[in-house]
Amino acid sequence: MSEKDEARSRFYSYYERYLDARHHMEEPEIQRYAMMSLVQIHLISGSSDQAKAAEVMRNELMSELFSEDQILEMYQTLRKHSTI
């Protein structure tokens, strides 16, 4: 498995945990898993640039499930919840 594939797999795992923490209103876990999800997105993009990371989320991770606007909103929400 390539490094990007591993990061992709970790992203889905962390993002699922993030959604679960949001559902249960567990603030420390929301912040932790939002940040860990973002780290994986940036590893996949190979850049710290937010626009590139959002593009990776849109094009590589969730394009078949959500609209472009929904994905950009999800990325911005992750950033807000990660406090970075």
N, C-alpha and C. Protein backbone atom coordinates (compact mmCIF):
# COMPACT_ATOMS: atom_id res chain seq x y z
N MET A 1 0.85 -1.17 0.00
CA MET A 1 0.00 0.00 0.00
C MET A 1 0.90 1.24 0.00
N SER A 2 0.60 2.20 -0.86
CA SER A 2 1.42 3.41 -0.96
C SER A 2 1.14 4.33 0.23
N GLU A 3 2.02 5.30 0.40
CA GLU A 3 1.86 6.27 1.49
C GLU A 3 0.55 7.04 1.36
N LYS A 4 0.21 7.41 0.11
CA LYS A 4 -1.05 8.13 -0.11
C LYS A 4 -2.25 7.24 0.20
N ASP A 5 -2.17 5.98 -0.17
CA ASP A 5 -3.27 5.05 0.12
C ASP A 5 -3.45 4.89 1.63
N GLU A 6 -2.32 4.81 2.35
CA GLU A 6 -2.40 4.70 3.80
C GLU A 6 -3.00 5.96 4.41
N ALA A 7 -2.60 7.12 3.92
CA ALA A 7 -3.15 8.38 4.42
C ALA A 7 -4.64 8.47 4.09
N ARG A 8 -5.03 8.01 2.92
CA ARG A 8 -6.44 8.00 2.53
C ARG A 8 -7.24 7.11 3.49
N SER A 9 -6.72 5.95 3.79
CA SER A 9 -7.38 5.02 4.70
C SER A 9 -7.51 5.63 6.10
N ARG A 10 -6.42 6.26 6.56
CA ARG A 10 -6.47 6.90 7.88
C ARG A 10 -7.46 8.06 7.88
N PHE A 11 -7.51 8.82 6.77
CA PHE A 11 -8.47 9.93 6.70
C PHE A 11 -9.89 9.42 6.93
N TYR A 12 -10.27 8.38 6.20
CA TYR A 12 -11.64 7.86 6.34
C TYR A 12 -11.89 7.38 7.77
N SER A 13 -10.92 6.75 8.38
CA SER A 13 -11.07 6.28 9.76
C SER A 13 -11.23 7.46 10.72
N TYR A 14 -10.35 8.45 10.60
CA TYR A 14 -10.43 9.62 11.49
C TYR A 14 -11.68 10.43 11.23
N TYR A 15 -12.06 10.57 9.97
CA TYR A 15 -13.26 11.35 9.65
C TYR A 15 -14.50 10.66 10.22
N GLU A 16 -14.55 9.36 10.17
CA GLU A 16 -15.67 8.62 10.76
C GLU A 16 -15.71 8.86 12.27
N ARG A 17 -14.56 8.84 12.92
CA ARG A 17 -14.49 9.10 14.37
C ARG A 17 -14.90 10.53 14.68
N TYR A 18 -14.50 11.46 13.81
CA TYR A 18 -14.88 12.86 13.95
C TYR A 18 -16.40 13.01 13.91
N LEU A 19 -17.04 12.38 12.92
CA LEU A 19 -18.49 12.47 12.81
C LEU A 19 -19.19 11.85 14.02
N ASP A 20 -18.65 10.74 14.51
CA ASP A 20 -19.21 10.10 15.69
C ASP A 20 -19.07 11.01 16.91
N ALA A 21 -17.92 11.63 17.07
CA ALA A 21 -17.72 12.55 18.20
C ALA A 21 -18.67 13.74 18.10
N ARG A 22 -18.89 14.25 16.90
CA ARG A 22 -19.85 15.35 16.73
C ARG A 22 -21.25 14.91 17.11
N HIS A 23 -21.60 13.70 16.73
CA HIS A 23 -22.93 13.17 17.06
C HIS A 23 -23.13 13.09 18.58
N HIS A 24 -22.07 12.71 19.28
CA HIS A 24 -22.15 12.54 20.74
C HIS A 24 -21.72 13.79 21.50
N MET A 25 -21.44 14.87 20.78
CA MET A 25 -21.07 16.15 21.39
C MET A 25 -19.87 16.01 22.33
N GLU A 26 -18.86 15.29 21.91
CA GLU A 26 -17.64 15.08 22.70
C GLU A 26 -16.56 16.04 22.19
N GLU A 27 -16.52 17.22 22.77
CA GLU A 27 -15.68 18.30 22.25
C GLU A 27 -14.20 17.95 22.10
N PRO A 28 -13.54 17.36 23.10
CA PRO A 28 -12.10 17.06 22.88
C PRO A 28 -11.88 16.11 21.70
N GLU A 29 -12.77 15.14 21.53
CA GLU A 29 -12.63 14.20 20.43
C GLU A 29 -12.95 14.85 19.09
N ILE A 30 -13.90 15.77 19.08
CA ILE A 30 -14.22 16.50 17.85
C ILE A 30 -12.96 17.21 17.36
N GLN A 31 -12.32 17.94 18.27
CA GLN A 31 -11.12 18.68 17.91
C GLN A 31 -10.00 17.74 17.48
N ARG A 32 -9.79 16.67 18.22
CA ARG A 32 -8.70 15.73 17.92
C ARG A 32 -8.87 15.10 16.55
N TYR A 33 -10.07 14.57 16.27
CA TYR A 33 -10.26 13.86 15.01
C TYR A 33 -10.39 14.80 13.81
N ALA A 34 -10.86 16.02 14.05
CA ALA A 34 -10.85 17.02 12.97
C ALA A 34 -9.41 17.31 12.57
N MET A 35 -8.55 17.52 13.57
CA MET A 35 -7.15 17.81 13.28
C MET A 35 -6.48 16.62 12.59
N MET A 36 -6.72 15.42 13.07
CA MET A 36 -6.09 14.25 12.48
C MET A 36 -6.58 14.03 11.05
N SER A 37 -7.85 14.31 10.78
CA SER A 37 -8.37 14.22 9.42
C SER A 37 -7.67 15.21 8.51
N LEU A 38 -7.50 16.45 9.00
CA LEU A 38 -6.82 17.46 8.20
C LEU A 38 -5.37 17.09 7.92
N VAL A 39 -4.69 16.53 8.89
CA VAL A 39 -3.31 16.10 8.69
C VAL A 39 -3.23 15.10 7.54
N GLN A 40 -4.15 14.16 7.51
CA GLN A 40 -4.14 13.16 6.44
C GLN A 40 -4.41 13.80 5.08
N ILE A 41 -5.32 14.75 5.04
CA ILE A 41 -5.62 15.45 3.78
C ILE A 41 -4.36 16.16 3.28
N HIS A 42 -3.64 16.81 4.20
CA HIS A 42 -2.43 17.52 3.81
C HIS A 42 -1.31 16.55 3.41
N LEU A 43 -1.26 15.39 4.03
CA LEU A 43 -0.27 14.37 3.61
C LEU A 43 -0.57 13.90 2.19
N ILE A 44 -1.83 13.71 1.89
CA ILE A 44 -2.22 13.27 0.54
C ILE A 44 -1.88 14.35 -0.48
N SER A 45 -2.16 15.61 -0.14
CA SER A 45 -1.91 16.70 -1.09
C SER A 45 -0.43 17.01 -1.22
N GLY A 46 0.35 16.65 -0.19
CA GLY A 46 1.77 16.95 -0.22
C GLY A 46 2.06 18.42 -0.02
N SER A 47 1.11 19.13 0.56
CA SER A 47 1.24 20.57 0.71
C SER A 47 0.52 21.04 1.97
N SER A 48 0.97 22.16 2.51
CA SER A 48 0.27 22.77 3.64
C SER A 48 -0.75 23.80 3.16
N ASP A 49 -0.83 23.99 1.86
CA ASP A 49 -1.76 24.96 1.27
C ASP A 49 -3.21 24.50 1.45
N GLN A 50 -4.03 25.37 2.02
CA GLN A 50 -5.43 25.03 2.29
C GLN A 50 -6.23 24.78 1.02
N ALA A 51 -5.97 25.57 -0.01
CA ALA A 51 -6.71 25.40 -1.27
C ALA A 51 -6.41 24.04 -1.89
N LYS A 52 -5.13 23.64 -1.87
CA LYS A 52 -4.76 22.33 -2.41
C LYS A 52 -5.37 21.21 -1.58
N ALA A 53 -5.38 21.37 -0.27
CA ALA A 53 -5.96 20.35 0.61
C ALA A 53 -7.46 20.22 0.37
N ALA A 54 -8.15 21.33 0.23
CA ALA A 54 -9.58 21.28 -0.05
C ALA A 54 -9.85 20.64 -1.40
N GLU A 55 -8.97 20.91 -2.36
CA GLU A 55 -9.10 20.30 -3.69
C GLU A 55 -8.92 18.78 -3.60
N VAL A 56 -7.96 18.32 -2.80
CA VAL A 56 -7.76 16.88 -2.62
C VAL A 56 -9.00 16.26 -1.99
N MET A 57 -9.53 16.92 -0.98
CA MET A 57 -10.74 16.39 -0.34
C MET A 57 -11.87 16.30 -1.36
N ARG A 58 -11.98 17.33 -2.18
CA ARG A 58 -13.05 17.38 -3.18
C ARG A 58 -12.83 16.34 -4.27
N ASN A 59 -11.63 16.27 -4.82
CA ASN A 59 -11.39 15.44 -6.00
C ASN A 59 -11.06 13.98 -5.70
N GLU A 60 -10.35 13.73 -4.62
CA GLU A 60 -9.86 12.38 -4.37
C GLU A 60 -10.62 11.62 -3.30
N LEU A 61 -11.23 12.32 -2.36
CA LEU A 61 -11.77 11.63 -1.20
C LEU A 61 -13.30 11.50 -1.19
N MET A 62 -13.98 12.52 -1.67
CA MET A 62 -15.43 12.50 -1.49
C MET A 62 -16.24 12.92 -2.70
N SER A 63 -15.64 12.97 -3.86
CA SER A 63 -16.32 13.51 -5.03
C SER A 63 -17.54 12.70 -5.44
N GLU A 64 -17.55 11.42 -5.14
CA GLU A 64 -18.68 10.60 -5.55
C GLU A 64 -19.84 10.68 -4.56
N LEU A 65 -19.60 11.23 -3.39
CA LEU A 65 -20.63 11.25 -2.35
C LEU A 65 -21.32 12.59 -2.17
N PHE A 66 -20.59 13.68 -2.42
CA PHE A 66 -21.11 15.01 -2.10
C PHE A 66 -20.82 15.98 -3.23
N SER A 67 -21.57 17.08 -3.23
CA SER A 67 -21.32 18.14 -4.21
C SER A 67 -20.07 18.91 -3.82
N GLU A 68 -19.55 19.67 -4.76
CA GLU A 68 -18.35 20.47 -4.51
C GLU A 68 -18.58 21.45 -3.36
N ASP A 69 -19.72 22.10 -3.35
CA ASP A 69 -20.03 23.05 -2.27
C ASP A 69 -20.10 22.36 -0.91
N GLN A 70 -20.69 21.18 -0.86
CA GLN A 70 -20.77 20.44 0.40
C GLN A 70 -19.38 20.05 0.90
N ILE A 71 -18.53 19.63 0.00
CA ILE A 71 -17.18 19.21 0.38
C ILE A 71 -16.37 20.40 0.88
N LEU A 72 -16.48 21.53 0.22
CA LEU A 72 -15.76 22.71 0.68
C LEU A 72 -16.25 23.14 2.06
N GLU A 73 -17.54 23.05 2.28
CA GLU A 73 -18.10 23.37 3.60
C GLU A 73 -17.59 22.38 4.65
N MET A 74 -17.50 21.10 4.29
CA MET A 74 -16.99 20.08 5.21
C MET A 74 -15.53 20.38 5.57
N TYR A 75 -14.73 20.76 4.58
CA TYR A 75 -13.33 21.10 4.84
C TYR A 75 -13.24 22.29 5.78
N GLN A 76 -14.02 23.33 5.53
CA GLN A 76 -13.99 24.51 6.39
C GLN A 76 -14.45 24.17 7.81
N THR A 77 -15.42 23.29 7.94
CA THR A 77 -15.88 22.87 9.27
C THR A 77 -14.79 22.10 9.99
N LEU A 78 -14.08 21.22 9.27
CA LEU A 78 -12.95 20.52 9.89
C LEU A 78 -11.92 21.51 10.41
N ARG A 79 -11.60 22.51 9.62
CA ARG A 79 -10.62 23.52 10.05
C ARG A 79 -11.12 24.24 11.29
N LYS A 80 -12.39 24.60 11.30
CA LYS A 80 -12.95 25.31 12.46
C LYS A 80 -12.88 24.42 13.71
N HIS A 81 -13.27 23.17 13.58
CA HIS A 81 -13.29 22.29 14.73
C HIS A 81 -11.89 21.87 15.19
N SER A 82 -10.92 21.91 14.30
CA SER A 82 -9.56 21.50 14.66
C SER A 82 -8.82 22.63 15.39
N THR A 83 -9.35 23.83 15.31
CA THR A 83 -8.76 25.04 15.90
C THR A 83 -7.38 25.36 15.35
N ILE A 84 -7.12 24.95 14.10
CA ILE A 84 -5.85 25.35 13.47
C ILE A 84 -6.13 26.22 12.27
